[in-house]
């Protein structure tokens, strides 16, 4: 499972998503969009011009702020 989280350290939903994946032993790449124009552009493209975080890509499919319940369904 290839997981990338696009977020920011000040975002509580991003922290919760990372903590959840950590608790499940899932490896992921965390990409901070602050001061990262390429990551910011990707997030805006996925979310139709909006900067919604966390934006999570799992096996090339994107999920916009799926929440813990959504992540549970996705990874199981």
N, C-alpha and C. Protein backbone atom coordinates (compact mmCIF):
# COMPACT_ATOMS: atom_id res chain seq x y z
N UNK A 1 0.85 -1.18 0.00
CA UNK A 1 0.00 0.00 0.00
C UNK A 1 0.90 1.24 0.00
N UNK A 2 0.76 2.08 -1.01
CA UNK A 2 1.53 3.30 -1.13
C UNK A 2 0.67 4.47 -0.65
N UNK A 3 1.08 5.11 0.45
CA UNK A 3 0.27 6.17 1.07
C UNK A 3 1.09 7.46 1.13
N UNK A 4 0.48 8.54 0.64
CA UNK A 4 1.06 9.88 0.77
C UNK A 4 0.02 10.78 1.42
N UNK A 5 0.45 11.50 2.45
CA UNK A 5 -0.42 12.46 3.12
C UNK A 5 0.11 13.85 2.82
N UNK A 6 -0.74 14.68 2.25
CA UNK A 6 -0.41 16.09 2.02
C UNK A 6 -1.10 16.88 3.11
N UNK A 7 -0.29 17.60 3.91
CA UNK A 7 -0.89 18.31 5.03
C UNK A 7 0.04 19.37 5.58
N UNK A 8 -0.24 19.75 6.83
CA UNK A 8 0.55 20.76 7.54
C UNK A 8 0.57 20.39 9.02
N UNK A 9 1.65 20.73 9.69
CA UNK A 9 1.78 20.37 11.10
C UNK A 9 0.77 21.06 12.00
N UNK A 10 0.22 22.19 11.57
CA UNK A 10 -0.76 22.90 12.38
C UNK A 10 -2.18 22.35 12.20
N UNK A 11 -2.35 21.41 11.29
CA UNK A 11 -3.66 20.85 10.96
C UNK A 11 -3.97 19.66 11.85
N UNK A 12 -4.98 19.79 12.72
CA UNK A 12 -5.31 18.71 13.65
C UNK A 12 -5.79 17.45 12.92
N UNK A 13 -6.51 17.60 11.81
CA UNK A 13 -6.95 16.44 11.05
C UNK A 13 -5.76 15.68 10.45
N UNK A 14 -4.74 16.42 10.06
CA UNK A 14 -3.53 15.79 9.52
C UNK A 14 -2.82 14.99 10.62
N UNK A 15 -2.70 15.59 11.80
CA UNK A 15 -2.06 14.92 12.93
C UNK A 15 -2.83 13.65 13.29
N UNK A 16 -4.16 13.73 13.30
CA UNK A 16 -4.98 12.56 13.61
C UNK A 16 -4.79 11.46 12.57
N UNK A 17 -4.74 11.82 11.30
CA UNK A 17 -4.55 10.84 10.24
C UNK A 17 -3.20 10.14 10.40
N UNK A 18 -2.15 10.92 10.68
CA UNK A 18 -0.82 10.34 10.87
C UNK A 18 -0.80 9.42 12.09
N UNK A 19 -1.40 9.86 13.19
CA UNK A 19 -1.43 9.05 14.40
C UNK A 19 -2.19 7.74 14.17
N UNK A 20 -3.28 7.81 13.43
CA UNK A 20 -4.06 6.61 13.13
C UNK A 20 -3.23 5.62 12.31
N UNK A 21 -2.60 6.11 11.25
CA UNK A 21 -1.79 5.22 10.41
C UNK A 21 -0.62 4.65 11.20
N UNK A 22 -0.02 5.47 12.07
CA UNK A 22 1.06 4.98 12.92
C UNK A 22 0.56 3.84 13.81
N UNK A 23 -0.64 4.02 14.39
CA UNK A 23 -1.18 3.01 15.30
C UNK A 23 -1.48 1.69 14.58
N UNK A 24 -1.72 1.76 13.29
CA UNK A 24 -1.99 0.57 12.49
C UNK A 24 -0.73 0.00 11.84
N UNK A 25 0.41 0.65 12.11
CA UNK A 25 1.67 0.18 11.55
C UNK A 25 1.80 0.40 10.05
N UNK A 26 1.04 1.35 9.52
CA UNK A 26 1.09 1.64 8.08
C UNK A 26 2.18 2.67 7.80
N UNK A 27 2.99 2.38 6.80
CA UNK A 27 4.02 3.34 6.40
C UNK A 27 3.42 4.33 5.41
N UNK A 28 3.87 5.57 5.49
CA UNK A 28 3.35 6.61 4.61
C UNK A 28 4.41 7.68 4.43
N UNK A 29 4.24 8.45 3.39
CA UNK A 29 5.08 9.62 3.16
C UNK A 29 4.25 10.84 3.53
N UNK A 30 4.81 11.69 4.38
CA UNK A 30 4.11 12.91 4.81
C UNK A 30 4.72 14.09 4.10
N UNK A 31 3.91 14.82 3.34
CA UNK A 31 4.38 15.95 2.56
C UNK A 31 3.72 17.21 3.09
N UNK A 32 4.52 18.10 3.60
CA UNK A 32 4.02 19.37 4.14
C UNK A 32 3.84 20.34 2.98
N UNK A 33 2.63 20.87 2.84
CA UNK A 33 2.35 21.75 1.70
C UNK A 33 2.79 23.19 1.94
N UNK A 34 3.06 23.54 3.20
CA UNK A 34 3.52 24.89 3.51
C UNK A 34 4.87 25.12 2.84
N UNK A 35 5.00 26.17 2.08
CA UNK A 35 6.24 26.51 1.38
C UNK A 35 6.67 25.43 0.40
N UNK A 36 5.72 24.67 -0.14
CA UNK A 36 6.02 23.63 -1.13
C UNK A 36 5.01 23.81 -2.28
N UNK A 37 5.38 24.63 -3.23
CA UNK A 37 4.45 25.01 -4.30
C UNK A 37 3.97 23.81 -5.11
N UNK A 38 4.87 22.87 -5.37
CA UNK A 38 4.49 21.68 -6.15
C UNK A 38 3.41 20.87 -5.42
N UNK A 39 3.59 20.67 -4.11
CA UNK A 39 2.59 19.93 -3.32
C UNK A 39 1.29 20.72 -3.23
N UNK A 40 1.39 22.02 -3.04
CA UNK A 40 0.21 22.87 -2.96
C UNK A 40 -0.58 22.84 -4.27
N UNK A 41 0.12 22.90 -5.38
CA UNK A 41 -0.54 22.83 -6.69
C UNK A 41 -1.29 21.51 -6.86
N UNK A 42 -0.67 20.41 -6.42
CA UNK A 42 -1.31 19.11 -6.53
C UNK A 42 -2.58 19.04 -5.68
N UNK A 43 -2.50 19.53 -4.45
CA UNK A 43 -3.67 19.54 -3.56
C UNK A 43 -4.80 20.37 -4.18
N UNK A 44 -4.47 21.52 -4.71
CA UNK A 44 -5.49 22.37 -5.34
C UNK A 44 -6.07 21.71 -6.59
N UNK A 45 -5.24 21.01 -7.35
CA UNK A 45 -5.73 20.33 -8.55
C UNK A 45 -6.71 19.21 -8.17
N UNK A 46 -6.35 18.42 -7.19
CA UNK A 46 -7.21 17.32 -6.74
C UNK A 46 -8.53 17.85 -6.20
N UNK A 47 -8.48 18.98 -5.49
CA UNK A 47 -9.65 19.52 -4.79
C UNK A 47 -10.29 20.71 -5.50
N UNK A 48 -10.15 20.75 -6.81
CA UNK A 48 -10.82 21.75 -7.65
C UNK A 48 -10.56 23.18 -7.19
N UNK A 49 -9.27 23.48 -6.95
CA UNK A 49 -8.85 24.83 -6.60
C UNK A 49 -8.83 25.13 -5.11
N UNK A 50 -9.26 24.18 -4.30
CA UNK A 50 -9.30 24.40 -2.84
C UNK A 50 -8.11 23.73 -2.17
N UNK A 51 -7.66 24.34 -1.09
CA UNK A 51 -6.54 23.81 -0.30
C UNK A 51 -7.09 23.00 0.87
N UNK A 52 -7.58 21.81 0.59
CA UNK A 52 -8.16 20.97 1.63
C UNK A 52 -7.11 19.97 2.09
N UNK A 53 -6.85 19.98 3.41
CA UNK A 53 -5.91 19.02 3.97
C UNK A 53 -6.54 18.34 5.17
N UNK A 54 -6.20 17.10 5.44
CA UNK A 54 -5.27 16.33 4.66
C UNK A 54 -5.89 15.84 3.35
N UNK A 55 -5.09 15.86 2.33
CA UNK A 55 -5.42 15.18 1.08
C UNK A 55 -4.50 13.96 1.07
N UNK A 56 -5.11 12.79 0.96
CA UNK A 56 -4.36 11.55 1.09
C UNK A 56 -4.47 10.76 -0.22
N UNK A 57 -3.34 10.31 -0.70
CA UNK A 57 -3.32 9.48 -1.91
C UNK A 57 -2.88 8.08 -1.49
N UNK A 58 -3.75 7.11 -1.77
CA UNK A 58 -3.46 5.72 -1.45
C UNK A 58 -3.56 4.92 -2.74
N UNK A 59 -2.45 4.33 -3.12
CA UNK A 59 -2.38 3.55 -4.36
C UNK A 59 -2.97 4.31 -5.54
N UNK A 60 -2.54 5.57 -5.69
CA UNK A 60 -2.89 6.46 -6.79
C UNK A 60 -4.34 6.94 -6.79
N UNK A 61 -5.08 6.69 -5.71
CA UNK A 61 -6.45 7.20 -5.59
C UNK A 61 -6.45 8.24 -4.48
N UNK A 62 -7.08 9.40 -4.74
CA UNK A 62 -7.05 10.48 -3.76
C UNK A 62 -8.30 10.50 -2.89
N UNK A 63 -8.08 10.93 -1.64
CA UNK A 63 -9.14 11.06 -0.65
C UNK A 63 -8.96 12.42 0.02
N UNK A 64 -10.01 13.20 0.04
CA UNK A 64 -9.95 14.53 0.63
C UNK A 64 -10.51 14.47 2.05
N UNK A 65 -9.63 14.67 3.02
CA UNK A 65 -9.97 14.67 4.43
C UNK A 65 -10.98 13.56 4.76
N UNK A 66 -10.57 12.29 4.61
CA UNK A 66 -11.52 11.20 4.81
C UNK A 66 -11.89 10.95 6.26
N UNK A 67 -11.14 11.52 7.21
CA UNK A 67 -11.41 11.27 8.62
C UNK A 67 -10.96 9.87 9.01
N UNK A 68 -10.99 9.60 10.31
CA UNK A 68 -10.53 8.32 10.81
C UNK A 68 -11.44 7.19 10.33
N UNK A 69 -12.75 7.38 10.38
CA UNK A 69 -13.68 6.34 9.92
C UNK A 69 -13.45 6.02 8.46
N UNK A 70 -13.24 7.03 7.65
CA UNK A 70 -12.98 6.82 6.24
C UNK A 70 -11.66 6.07 6.02
N UNK A 71 -10.63 6.45 6.77
CA UNK A 71 -9.34 5.77 6.65
C UNK A 71 -9.45 4.30 7.05
N UNK A 72 -10.23 4.02 8.09
CA UNK A 72 -10.42 2.63 8.52
C UNK A 72 -10.97 1.79 7.37
N UNK A 73 -11.96 2.31 6.67
CA UNK A 73 -12.58 1.58 5.57
C UNK A 73 -11.61 1.43 4.40
N UNK A 74 -10.82 2.45 4.15
CA UNK A 74 -9.91 2.46 3.01
C UNK A 74 -8.78 1.46 3.19
N UNK A 75 -8.18 1.41 4.39
CA UNK A 75 -6.98 0.57 4.58
C UNK A 75 -7.29 -0.87 4.92
N UNK A 76 -8.53 -1.17 5.26
CA UNK A 76 -8.86 -2.56 5.62
C UNK A 76 -9.43 -3.34 4.48
